[in-house]
Amino acid sequence: MDMSSRRPLHSHKEPPDRKLFDLIDGRFMPLKEIGCGAVCLVHLAEDRQAGFRRVAIKRLRGGMLANLNARHSLLTEARALSLIRHMGVPKLIHSQTDRPDPYVAQEFRDGVVFNRNNIHGIRKTVELIIFVLDILDTLHGAGIVHRDVKPSNLILGYDMRSVTLTDFGFSIVPGVQDIAARVGVPVGSPMFMAPEQTYPHARVDRRADLYSVGIMLYTFTSGLYPYLMKPAKNEQEENVEYFRCHRSAASAPLHSLDRRYPATLSLIIERAISKEPGKRFSTAESMADALSDCLANCAYGF
């Protein structure tokens, strides 16, 4: 997504003396960088007002401090975290989003990368996806649509049983202007975006998150992306190809790739990644229930 501002009403100049490892507000001491994206940096920090507990500090990259859309995404994140109470979402510790160098301090969650190499077996994959759906059910109940559900925004706990959902900057959040409407282009990660999400100014609701979960579940269980992609010369062409696939390409049912996959699981995934939102599961809870029934009724070793 292009986070550039079209015509800002006002701008914030980058502080010439900005130092990423200085004490913040006399309270948070950054220790080391633990995440880096196109827009934000994330640092592990100590909260010196709370017994040196570890927190994650999310701040804009230096070149984004004057970008109002980037600043808005940080505001969106803070607002979303303030509305959610779930063990799979970090607690908001403190935020300052209306200042030259804004930040969001949230509970630090440690773990491993949520990917196929760290999750052994289809049954374990489905169990963890059910946990993700429980998180989404709480979000959706609070009126929030995450809109960027993907493996890199999930942290797998060291217990291999819990998952943390992060990065709410693209979310639809009550009381906050929608970032997609603000920038006038689709937002999210092209590989996991629902078809309706690929159009500017399109209506997007909780079923878009369920589509993303379906894409992730298909990829994790089969090791394959559900759509055949045409070769692309660059990232822009690749994104256009992702959009084409989400809008019109057919996917091969999971059990047609390998008969060892339960037909029930295949049908659940097909429903989740339906092109039409009305044909998907209506809630995260209903999709989780279907997956739970699948686990209960299928052979243990699948």
C-alpha atoms as a PDB file:
ATOM      1  CA  MET A   1       0.000   0.000   0.000  1.00  0.00           C
ATOM      2  CA  ASP A   2       1.174   3.502  -0.802  1.00  0.00           C
ATOM      3  CA  MET A   3       1.381   5.396   2.471  1.00  0.00           C
ATOM      4  CA  SER A   4       2.351   8.680   0.798  1.00  0.00           C
ATOM      5  CA  SER A   5       0.174  11.652   1.632  1.00  0.00           C
ATOM      6  CA  ARG A   6      -1.710  13.188  -1.281  1.00  0.00           C
ATOM      7  CA  ARG A   7      -2.045  16.708   0.103  1.00  0.00           C
ATOM      8  CA  PRO A   8      -1.465  16.991   3.836  1.00  0.00           C
ATOM      9  CA  LEU A   9      -3.342  19.634   5.759  1.00  0.00           C
ATOM     10  CA  HIS A  10      -0.275  20.116   7.925  1.00  0.00           C
ATOM     11  CA  SER A  11       3.058  18.412   8.313  1.00  0.00           C
ATOM     12  CA  HIS A  12       5.449  17.423  11.057  1.00  0.00           C
ATOM     13  CA  LYS A  13       9.140  17.946  10.539  1.00  0.00           C
ATOM     14  CA  GLU A  14      11.472  15.222  11.668  1.00  0.00           C
ATOM     15  CA  PRO A  15      13.254  16.279  14.870  1.00  0.00           C
ATOM     16  CA  PRO A  16      16.902  16.864  13.947  1.00  0.00           C
ATOM     17  CA  ASP A  17      18.047  15.313  17.233  1.00  0.00           C
ATOM     18  CA  ARG A  18      15.911  12.185  17.049  1.00  0.00           C
ATOM     19  CA  LYS A  19      17.714   9.254  18.655  1.00  0.00           C
ATOM     20  CA  LEU A  20      16.035   5.872  18.573  1.00  0.00           C
ATOM     21  CA  PHE A  21      17.685   4.636  21.774  1.00  0.00           C
ATOM     22  CA  ASP A  22      17.039   7.654  24.009  1.00  0.00           C
ATOM     23  CA  LEU A  23      14.665   7.358  26.963  1.00  0.00           C
ATOM     24  CA  ILE A  24      11.099   8.081  25.797  1.00  0.00           C
ATOM     25  CA  ASP A  25       8.918  10.309  27.996  1.00  0.00           C
ATOM     26  CA  GLY A  26      11.168   9.549  30.960  1.00  0.00           C
ATOM     27  CA  ARG A  27       9.694   6.071  30.999  1.00  0.00           C
ATOM     28  CA  PHE A  28      10.519   3.732  28.107  1.00  0.00           C
ATOM     29  CA  MET A  29      14.114   2.758  27.372  1.00  0.00           C
ATOM     30  CA  PRO A  30      14.536   1.112  23.935  1.00  0.00           C
ATOM     31  CA  LEU A  31      16.955  -1.811  24.044  1.00  0.00           C
ATOM     32  CA  LYS A  32      17.093  -3.300  20.569  1.00  0.00           C
ATOM     33  CA  GLU A  33      15.258  -3.356  17.254  1.00  0.00           C
ATOM     34  CA  ILE A  34      12.991  -6.387  16.889  1.00  0.00           C
ATOM     35  CA  GLY A  35      10.985  -5.431  13.824  1.00  0.00           C
ATOM     36  CA  CYS A  36      11.313  -3.243  10.762  1.00  0.00           C
ATOM     37  CA  GLY A  37       8.766  -2.506   8.049  1.00  0.00           C
ATOM     38  CA  ALA A  38       8.351   0.055   5.308  1.00  0.00           C
ATOM     39  CA  VAL A  39       6.555   2.406   7.684  1.00  0.00           C
ATOM     40  CA  CYS A  40       7.404   1.479  11.276  1.00  0.00           C
ATOM     41  CA  LEU A  41      10.190   0.247  13.518  1.00  0.00           C
ATOM     42  CA  VAL A  42       9.559  -1.901  16.578  1.00  0.00           C
ATOM     43  CA  HIS A  43      11.933  -1.899  19.535  1.00  0.00           C
ATOM     44  CA  LEU A  44      12.078  -4.032  22.634  1.00  0.00           C
ATOM     45  CA  ALA A  45      12.088  -1.609  25.559  1.00  0.00           C
ATOM     46  CA  GLU A  46      11.965  -1.447  29.359  1.00  0.00           C
ATOM     47  CA  ASP A  47       9.086   0.287  31.088  1.00  0.00           C
ATOM     48  CA  ARG A  48      10.807   1.973  34.016  1.00  0.00           C
ATOM     49  CA  GLN A  49       7.520   2.946  35.634  1.00  0.00           C
ATOM     50  CA  ALA A  50       6.477  -0.682  35.888  1.00  0.00           C
ATOM     51  CA  GLY A  51       9.402  -2.567  37.335  1.00  0.00           C
ATOM     52  CA  PHE A  52      11.423  -2.667  34.119  1.00  0.00           C
ATOM     53  CA  ARG A  53       8.865  -4.892  32.417  1.00  0.00           C
ATOM     54  CA  ARG A  54       9.511  -5.521  28.736  1.00  0.00           C
ATOM     55  CA  VAL A  55       7.323  -3.746  26.199  1.00  0.00           C
ATOM     56  CA  ALA A  56       7.300  -3.328  22.440  1.00  0.00           C
ATOM     57  CA  ILE A  57       7.573   0.254  21.199  1.00  0.00           C
ATOM     58  CA  LYS A  58       6.222   0.891  17.718  1.00  0.00           C
ATOM     59  CA  ARG A  59       7.433   4.100  16.072  1.00  0.00           C
ATOM     60  CA  LEU A  60       7.524   5.555  12.591  1.00  0.00           C
ATOM     61  CA  ARG A  61      10.667   5.286  10.528  1.00  0.00           C
ATOM     62  CA  GLY A  62      12.486   8.610  10.278  1.00  0.00           C
ATOM     63  CA  GLY A  63      11.389   9.205   6.702  1.00  0.00           C
ATOM     64  CA  MET A  64       7.736   8.675   7.649  1.00  0.00           C
ATOM     65  CA  LEU A  65       7.459  11.223  10.451  1.00  0.00           C
ATOM     66  CA  ALA A  66       6.017  13.861   8.116  1.00  0.00           C
ATOM     67  CA  ASN A  67       3.694  11.402   6.359  1.00  0.00           C
ATOM     68  CA  LEU A  68       0.178  11.947   7.671  1.00  0.00           C
ATOM     69  CA  ASN A  69      -1.117   8.622   6.390  1.00  0.00           C
ATOM     70  CA  ALA A  70       1.659   6.768   8.178  1.00  0.00           C
ATOM     71  CA  ARG A  71       0.908   8.710  11.335  1.00  0.00           C
ATOM     72  CA  HIS A  72      -2.769   7.825  10.953  1.00  0.00           C
ATOM     73  CA  SER A  73      -1.928   4.109  10.801  1.00  0.00           C
ATOM     74  CA  LEU A  74      -0.193   4.421  14.185  1.00  0.00           C
ATOM     75  CA  LEU A  75      -3.253   6.177  15.603  1.00  0.00           C
ATOM     76  CA  THR A  76      -5.416   3.359  14.232  1.00  0.00           C
ATOM     77  CA  GLU A  77      -3.201   0.780  15.934  1.00  0.00           C
ATOM     78  CA  ALA A  78      -3.435   2.520  19.302  1.00  0.00           C
ATOM     79  CA  ARG A  79      -7.204   2.848  19.075  1.00  0.00           C
ATOM     80  CA  ALA A  80      -7.671  -0.802  18.078  1.00  0.00           C
ATOM     81  CA  LEU A  81      -5.529  -2.100  20.938  1.00  0.00           C
ATOM     82  CA  SER A  82      -7.463   0.066  23.399  1.00  0.00           C
ATOM     83  CA  LEU A  83     -10.715  -1.660  22.410  1.00  0.00           C
ATOM     84  CA  ILE A  84      -9.578  -5.301  22.529  1.00  0.00           C
ATOM     85  CA  ARG A  85      -9.321  -7.637  25.493  1.00  0.00           C
ATOM     86  CA  HIS A  86      -8.090 -11.048  24.403  1.00  0.00           C
ATOM     87  CA  MET A  87      -5.124 -13.191  25.379  1.00  0.00           C
ATOM     88  CA  GLY A  88      -4.139 -13.334  21.709  1.00  0.00           C
ATOM     89  CA  VAL A  89      -3.749  -9.549  21.378  1.00  0.00           C
ATOM     90  CA  PRO A  90      -1.041  -7.467  23.121  1.00  0.00           C
ATOM     91  CA  LYS A  91      -2.304  -5.075  25.774  1.00  0.00           C
ATOM     92  CA  LEU A  92      -1.924  -1.373  25.074  1.00  0.00           C
ATOM     93  CA  ILE A  93       0.475   0.060  27.668  1.00  0.00           C
ATOM     94  CA  HIS A  94       0.641   3.702  26.571  1.00  0.00           C
ATOM     95  CA  SER A  95       0.487   5.744  23.381  1.00  0.00           C
ATOM     96  CA  GLN A  96       1.364   9.228  22.216  1.00  0.00           C
ATOM     97  CA  THR A  97       0.164   9.654  18.636  1.00  0.00           C
ATOM     98  CA  ASP A  98      -0.283  13.428  18.464  1.00  0.00           C
ATOM     99  CA  ARG A  99       3.335  14.520  18.788  1.00  0.00           C
ATOM    100  CA  PRO A 100       6.285  15.041  16.411  1.00  0.00           C
ATOM    101  CA  ASP A 101       7.659  11.561  17.105  1.00  0.00           C
ATOM    102  CA  PRO A 102       4.603   9.387  17.893  1.00  0.00           C
ATOM    103  CA  TYR A 103       4.724   5.926  19.403  1.00  0.00           C
ATOM    104  CA  VAL A 104       2.601   3.072  20.685  1.00  0.00           C
ATOM    105  CA  ALA A 105       3.849   1.025  23.638  1.00  0.00           C
ATOM    106  CA  GLN A 106       2.284  -2.402  23.919  1.00  0.00           C
ATOM    107  CA  GLU A 107       2.808  -5.633  25.783  1.00  0.00           C
ATOM    108  CA  PHE A 108       5.816  -7.542  24.454  1.00  0.00           C
ATOM    109  CA  ARG A 109       4.975 -11.003  23.139  1.00  0.00           C
ATOM    110  CA  ASP A 110       7.846 -13.366  22.483  1.00  0.00           C
ATOM    111  CA  GLY A 111       7.685 -16.454  20.329  1.00  0.00           C
ATOM    112  CA  VAL A 112       8.623 -17.908  16.965  1.00  0.00           C
ATOM    113  CA  VAL A 113       7.645 -17.139  13.406  1.00  0.00           C
ATOM    114  CA  PHE A 114       4.189 -18.405  12.506  1.00  0.00           C
ATOM    115  CA  ASN A 115       5.065 -20.436   9.429  1.00  0.00           C
ATOM    116  CA  ARG A 116       4.719 -23.925   8.041  1.00  0.00           C
ATOM    117  CA  ASN A 117       8.210 -24.961   9.131  1.00  0.00           C
ATOM    118  CA  ASN A 118       7.394 -24.305  12.803  1.00  0.00           C
ATOM    119  CA  ILE A 119       3.977 -26.004  12.794  1.00  0.00           C
ATOM    120  CA  HIS A 120       4.158 -29.764  12.472  1.00  0.00           C
ATOM    121  CA  GLY A 121       1.153 -31.549  11.041  1.00  0.00           C
ATOM    122  CA  ILE A 122      -2.205 -30.561   9.617  1.00  0.00           C
ATOM    123  CA  ARG A 123      -4.019 -31.184  12.900  1.00  0.00           C
ATOM    124  CA  LYS A 124      -1.762 -28.750  14.740  1.00  0.00           C
ATOM    125  CA  THR A 125      -2.222 -26.210  11.930  1.00  0.00           C
ATOM    126  CA  VAL A 126      -6.003 -26.435  12.230  1.00  0.00           C
ATOM    127  CA  GLU A 127      -5.851 -26.140  16.034  1.00  0.00           C
ATOM    128  CA  LEU A 128      -3.811 -22.941  15.766  1.00  0.00           C
ATOM    129  CA  ILE A 129      -6.087 -21.517  13.081  1.00  0.00           C
ATOM    130  CA  ILE A 130      -9.019 -22.087  15.432  1.00  0.00           C
ATOM    131  CA  PHE A 131      -7.146 -19.990  18.022  1.00  0.00           C
ATOM    132  CA  VAL A 132      -6.658 -17.243  15.404  1.00  0.00           C
ATOM    133  CA  LEU A 133     -10.377 -17.341  14.629  1.00  0.00           C
ATOM    134  CA  ASP A 134     -11.155 -16.918  18.323  1.00  0.00           C
ATOM    135  CA  ILE A 135      -9.044 -13.755  18.316  1.00  0.00           C
ATOM    136  CA  LEU A 136     -10.869 -12.505  15.226  1.00  0.00           C
ATOM    137  CA  ASP A 137     -14.239 -13.248  16.801  1.00  0.00           C
ATOM    138  CA  THR A 138     -13.343 -10.871  19.647  1.00  0.00           C
ATOM    139  CA  LEU A 139     -12.108  -8.224  17.196  1.00  0.00           C
ATOM    140  CA  HIS A 140     -15.215  -8.434  15.081  1.00  0.00           C
ATOM    141  CA  GLY A 141     -17.394  -8.238  18.175  1.00  0.00           C
ATOM    142  CA  ALA A 142     -15.724  -4.906  18.942  1.00  0.00           C
ATOM    143  CA  GLY A 143     -16.455  -3.662  15.433  1.00  0.00           C
ATOM    144  CA  ILE A 144     -12.861  -4.105  14.229  1.00  0.00           C
ATOM    145  CA  VAL A 145     -11.820  -5.675  10.930  1.00  0.00           C
ATOM    146  CA  HIS A 146      -8.090  -6.435  10.947  1.00  0.00           C
ATOM    147  CA  ARG A 147      -7.717  -6.429   7.148  1.00  0.00           C
ATOM    148  CA  ASP A 148      -4.129  -7.718   7.176  1.00  0.00           C
ATOM    149  CA  VAL A 149      -4.288 -11.242   8.585  1.00  0.00           C
ATOM    150  CA  LYS A 150      -1.173 -13.093   7.403  1.00  0.00           C
ATOM    151  CA  PRO A 151       1.581 -15.276   8.888  1.00  0.00           C
ATOM    152  CA  SER A 152       4.034 -12.418   9.453  1.00  0.00           C
ATOM    153  CA  ASN A 153       1.452 -10.642  11.646  1.00  0.00           C
ATOM    154  CA  LEU A 154       1.112 -13.710  13.877  1.00  0.00           C
ATOM    155  CA  ILE A 155       3.482 -14.807  16.643  1.00  0.00           C
ATOM    156  CA  LEU A 156       3.484 -18.465  17.662  1.00  0.00           C
ATOM    157  CA  GLY A 157       4.044 -18.918  21.387  1.00  0.00           C
ATOM    158  CA  TYR A 158       6.885 -21.127  22.569  1.00  0.00           C
ATOM    159  CA  ASP A 159       4.242 -23.473  23.965  1.00  0.00           C
ATOM    160  CA  MET A 160       3.189 -24.119  20.343  1.00  0.00           C
ATOM    161  CA  ARG A 161      -0.430 -23.684  21.450  1.00  0.00           C
ATOM    162  CA  SER A 162      -1.003 -19.933  21.619  1.00  0.00           C
ATOM    163  CA  VAL A 163      -0.920 -17.261  18.918  1.00  0.00           C
ATOM    164  CA  THR A 164      -0.662 -13.472  19.084  1.00  0.00           C
ATOM    165  CA  LEU A 165      -2.142 -11.245  16.374  1.00  0.00           C
ATOM    166  CA  THR A 166      -0.246  -7.997  15.763  1.00  0.00           C
ATOM    167  CA  ASP A 167      -0.130  -4.946  13.466  1.00  0.00           C
ATOM    168  CA  PHE A 168      -3.502  -3.184  13.448  1.00  0.00           C
ATOM    169  CA  GLY A 169      -2.456  -0.205  11.326  1.00  0.00           C
ATOM    170  CA  PHE A 170      -4.697  -1.173   8.383  1.00  0.00           C
ATOM    171  CA  SER A 171      -7.683  -2.087  10.530  1.00  0.00           C
ATOM    172  CA  ILE A 172     -11.187  -0.726  10.306  1.00  0.00           C
ATOM    173  CA  VAL A 173     -11.751   0.654  13.806  1.00  0.00           C
ATOM    174  CA  PRO A 174     -14.828   2.401  15.276  1.00  0.00           C
ATOM    175  CA  GLY A 175     -14.273   6.116  15.736  1.00  0.00           C
ATOM    176  CA  VAL A 176     -11.242   6.293  13.424  1.00  0.00           C
ATOM    177  CA  GLN A 177     -11.256   7.308   9.755  1.00  0.00           C
ATOM    178  CA  ASP A 178     -10.683   4.285   7.527  1.00  0.00           C
ATOM    179  CA  ILE A 179      -7.108   4.395   6.194  1.00  0.00           C
ATOM    180  CA  ALA A 180      -8.276   2.944   2.836  1.00  0.00           C
ATOM    181  CA  ALA A 181     -10.679   5.848   2.371  1.00  0.00           C
ATOM    182  CA  ARG A 182      -7.959   8.255   3.443  1.00  0.00           C
ATOM    183  CA  VAL A 183      -5.389   7.094   0.883  1.00  0.00           C
ATOM    184  CA  GLY A 184      -7.861   6.126  -1.846  1.00  0.00           C
ATOM    185  CA  VAL A 185      -6.202   2.793  -2.643  1.00  0.00           C
ATOM    186  CA  PRO A 186      -6.661  -0.801  -1.421  1.00  0.00           C
ATOM    187  CA  VAL A 187      -4.792  -1.640   1.773  1.00  0.00           C
ATOM    188  CA  GLY A 188      -3.516  -4.973   3.017  1.00  0.00           C
ATOM    189  CA  SER A 189      -1.086  -7.630   1.808  1.00  0.00           C
ATOM    190  CA  PRO A 190      -1.889  -8.675  -1.789  1.00  0.00           C
ATOM    191  CA  MET A 191      -1.164 -12.363  -1.236  1.00  0.00           C
ATOM    192  CA  PHE A 192      -3.951 -12.641   1.382  1.00  0.00           C
ATOM    193  CA  MET A 193      -6.476  -9.946   0.390  1.00  0.00           C
ATOM    194  CA  ALA A 194     -10.118 -10.799  -0.176  1.00  0.00           C
ATOM    195  CA  PRO A 195     -11.461 -10.010  -3.675  1.00  0.00           C
ATOM    196  CA  GLU A 196     -13.569  -7.091  -2.454  1.00  0.00           C
ATOM    197  CA  GLN A 197     -10.532  -5.739  -0.618  1.00  0.00           C
ATOM    198  CA  THR A 198      -8.634  -5.289  -3.893  1.00  0.00           C
ATOM    199  CA  TYR A 199     -10.900  -2.461  -5.079  1.00  0.00           C
ATOM    200  CA  PRO A 200     -10.501   1.162  -3.911  1.00  0.00           C
ATOM    201  CA  HIS A 201     -13.325   2.395  -1.655  1.00  0.00           C
ATOM    202  CA  ALA A 202     -14.957  -1.063  -1.601  1.00  0.00           C
ATOM    203  CA  ARG A 203     -17.082  -2.133   1.345  1.00  0.00           C
ATOM    204  CA  VAL A 204     -15.074  -4.556   3.469  1.00  0.00           C
ATOM    205  CA  ASP A 205     -16.354  -6.384   6.528  1.00  0.00           C
ATOM    206  CA  ARG A 206     -15.289  -9.229   8.836  1.00  0.00           C
ATOM    207  CA  ARG A 207     -15.672 -11.804   6.071  1.00  0.00           C
ATOM    208  CA  ALA A 208     -12.542 -10.371   4.438  1.00  0.00           C
ATOM    209  CA  ASP A 209     -10.541 -11.542   7.461  1.00  0.00           C
ATOM    210  CA  LEU A 210     -12.028 -15.018   7.104  1.00  0.00           C
ATOM    211  CA  TYR A 211     -10.962 -15.124   3.463  1.00  0.00           C
ATOM    212  CA  SER A 212      -7.393 -14.311   4.540  1.00  0.00           C
ATOM    213  CA  VAL A 213      -7.539 -17.128   7.101  1.00  0.00           C
ATOM    214  CA  GLY A 214      -8.758 -19.480   4.372  1.00  0.00           C
ATOM    215  CA  ILE A 215      -5.836 -18.581   2.088  1.00  0.00           C
ATOM    216  CA  MET A 216      -3.429 -19.121   4.964  1.00  0.00           C
ATOM    217  CA  LEU A 217      -5.010 -22.465   5.906  1.00  0.00           C
ATOM    218  CA  TYR A 218      -4.843 -23.716   2.309  1.00  0.00           C
ATOM    219  CA  THR A 219      -1.197 -22.677   1.989  1.00  0.00           C
ATOM    220  CA  PHE A 220      -0.144 -24.135   5.338  1.00  0.00           C
ATOM    221  CA  THR A 221      -1.862 -27.490   4.861  1.00  0.00           C
ATOM    222  CA  SER A 222      -0.924 -28.133   1.229  1.00  0.00           C
ATOM    223  CA  GLY A 223       2.342 -26.211   0.930  1.00  0.00           C
ATOM    224  CA  LEU A 224       0.889 -24.590  -2.205  1.00  0.00           C
ATOM    225  CA  TYR A 225      -0.744 -21.256  -2.976  1.00  0.00           C
ATOM    226  CA  PRO A 226      -4.358 -21.857  -4.049  1.00  0.00           C
ATOM    227  CA  TYR A 227      -4.022 -19.997  -7.353  1.00  0.00           C
ATOM    228  CA  LEU A 228      -1.751 -20.475 -10.341  1.00  0.00           C
ATOM    229  CA  MET A 229       0.189 -17.243 -10.722  1.00  0.00           C
ATOM    230  CA  LYS A 230       1.466 -15.851 -14.002  1.00  0.00           C
ATOM    231  CA  PRO A 231       5.152 -14.821 -13.959  1.00  0.00           C
ATOM    232  CA  ALA A 232       5.705 -11.182 -12.942  1.00  0.00           C
ATOM    233  CA  LYS A 233       8.664  -8.925 -13.722  1.00  0.00           C
ATOM    234  CA  ASN A 234       8.389  -6.782 -10.596  1.00  0.00           C
ATOM    235  CA  GLU A 235       6.427  -6.309  -7.392  1.00  0.00           C
ATOM    236  CA  GLN A 236       3.826  -4.082  -9.026  1.00  0.00           C
ATOM    237  CA  GLU A 237       3.055  -6.700 -11.681  1.00  0.00           C
ATOM    238  CA  GLU A 238       2.981  -9.384  -8.994  1.00  0.00           C
ATOM    239  CA  ASN A 239       0.426  -7.420  -6.965  1.00  0.00           C
ATOM    240  CA  VAL A 240      -1.766  -6.967 -10.051  1.00  0.00           C
ATOM    241  CA  GLU A 241      -1.572 -10.729 -10.609  1.00  0.00           C
ATOM    242  CA  TYR A 242      -2.572 -11.405  -6.997  1.00  0.00           C
ATOM    243  CA  PHE A 243      -5.577  -9.113  -7.441  1.00  0.00           C
ATOM    244  CA  ARG A 244      -6.580 -10.940 -10.644  1.00  0.00           C
ATOM    245  CA  CYS A 245      -6.363 -14.301  -8.896  1.00  0.00           C
ATOM    246  CA  HIS A 246      -8.422 -13.211  -5.909  1.00  0.00           C
ATOM    247  CA  ARG A 247     -11.085 -11.725  -8.166  1.00  0.00           C
ATOM    248  CA  SER A 248     -11.463 -14.424 -10.795  1.00  0.00           C
ATOM    249  CA  ALA A 249      -9.048 -17.389 -10.605  1.00  0.00           C
ATOM    250  CA  ALA A 250     -10.288 -20.807  -9.508  1.00  0.00           C
ATOM    251  CA  SER A 251      -8.520 -22.823  -6.835  1.00  0.00           C
ATOM    252  CA  ALA A 252      -8.039 -26.583  -6.853  1.00  0.00           C
ATOM    253  CA  PRO A 253      -9.909 -28.188  -3.916  1.00  0.00           C
ATOM    254  CA  LEU A 254      -7.500 -29.460  -1.306  1.00  0.00           C
ATOM    255  CA  HIS A 255      -8.645 -33.087  -1.474  1.00  0.00           C
ATOM    256  CA  SER A 256      -8.187 -33.099  -5.259  1.00  0.00           C
ATOM    257  CA  LEU A 257      -4.469 -32.496  -4.680  1.00  0.00           C
ATOM    258  CA  ASP A 258      -4.161 -35.377  -2.231  1.00  0.00           C
ATOM    259  CA  ARG A 259      -6.955 -37.744  -1.204  1.00  0.00           C
ATOM    260  CA  ARG A 260      -5.448 -38.011   2.275  1.00  0.00           C
ATOM    261  CA  TYR A 261      -6.817 -34.552   3.041  1.00  0.00           C
ATOM    262  CA  PRO A 262     -10.274 -34.836   4.614  1.00  0.00           C
ATOM    263  CA  ALA A 263     -13.011 -33.730   2.216  1.00  0.00           C
ATOM    264  CA  THR A 264     -14.600 -31.829   5.114  1.00  0.00           C
ATOM    265  CA  LEU A 265     -11.488 -29.681   5.562  1.00  0.00           C
ATOM    266  CA  SER A 266     -11.348 -29.070   1.832  1.00  0.00           C
ATOM    267  CA  LEU A 267     -14.963 -27.866   1.807  1.00  0.00           C
ATOM    268  CA  ILE A 268     -14.356 -25.543   4.776  1.00  0.00           C
ATOM    269  CA  ILE A 269     -11.433 -23.908   2.991  1.00  0.00           C
ATOM    270  CA  GLU A 270     -13.395 -23.623  -0.267  1.00  0.00           C
ATOM    271  CA  ARG A 271     -16.187 -21.850   1.594  1.00  0.00           C
ATOM    272  CA  ALA A 272     -13.771 -19.513   3.377  1.00  0.00           C
ATOM    273  CA  ILE A 273     -12.137 -18.399   0.111  1.00  0.00           C
ATOM    274  CA  SER A 274     -15.345 -17.967  -1.873  1.00  0.00           C
ATOM    275  CA  LYS A 275     -15.192 -14.991  -4.218  1.00  0.00           C
ATOM    276  CA  GLU A 276     -18.538 -13.733  -2.935  1.00  0.00           C
ATOM    277  CA  PRO A 277     -18.565 -12.664   0.732  1.00  0.00           C
ATOM    278  CA  GLY A 278     -22.115 -13.955   1.122  1.00  0.00           C
ATOM    279  CA  LYS A 279     -20.977 -17.506   0.409  1.00  0.00           C
ATOM    280  CA  ARG A 280     -18.296 -17.482   3.112  1.00  0.00           C
ATOM    281  CA  PHE A 281     -18.750 -18.167   6.794  1.00  0.00           C
ATOM    282  CA  SER A 282     -20.656 -15.272   8.323  1.00  0.00           C
ATOM    283  CA  THR A 283     -18.608 -15.218  11.532  1.00  0.00           C
ATOM    284  CA  ALA A 284     -15.220 -16.336  12.793  1.00  0.00           C
ATOM    285  CA  GLU A 285     -17.034 -18.425  15.419  1.00  0.00           C
ATOM    286  CA  SER A 286     -18.951 -20.412  12.789  1.00  0.00           C
ATOM    287  CA  MET A 287     -15.751 -21.138  10.861  1.00  0.00           C
ATOM    288  CA  ALA A 288     -13.989 -22.192  14.073  1.00  0.00           C
ATOM    289  CA  ASP A 289     -16.911 -24.487  14.947  1.00  0.00           C
ATOM    290  CA  ALA A 290     -16.716 -26.138  11.517  1.00  0.00           C
ATOM    291  CA  LEU A 291     -12.975 -26.727  11.948  1.00  0.00           C
ATOM    292  CA  SER A 292     -13.499 -28.106  15.463  1.00  0.00           C
ATOM    293  CA  ASP A 293     -16.085 -30.566  14.131  1.00  0.00           C
ATOM    294  CA  CYS A 294     -13.620 -31.546  11.428  1.00  0.00           C
ATOM    295  CA  LEU A 295     -10.970 -32.313  14.042  1.00  0.00           C
ATOM    296  CA  ALA A 296     -13.428 -34.340  16.104  1.00  0.00           C
ATOM    297  CA  ASN A 297     -14.682 -36.415  13.193  1.00  0.00           C
ATOM    298  CA  CYS A 298     -11.473 -36.983  11.209  1.00  0.00           C
ATOM    299  CA  ALA A 299      -8.771 -39.528  11.878  1.00  0.00           C
ATOM    300  CA  TYR A 300      -6.179 -38.338  14.372  1.00  0.00           C
ATOM    301  CA  GLY A 301      -3.255 -38.692  12.034  1.00  0.00           C
ATOM    302  CA  PHE A 302      -4.508 -36.530   9.165  1.00  0.00           C
END
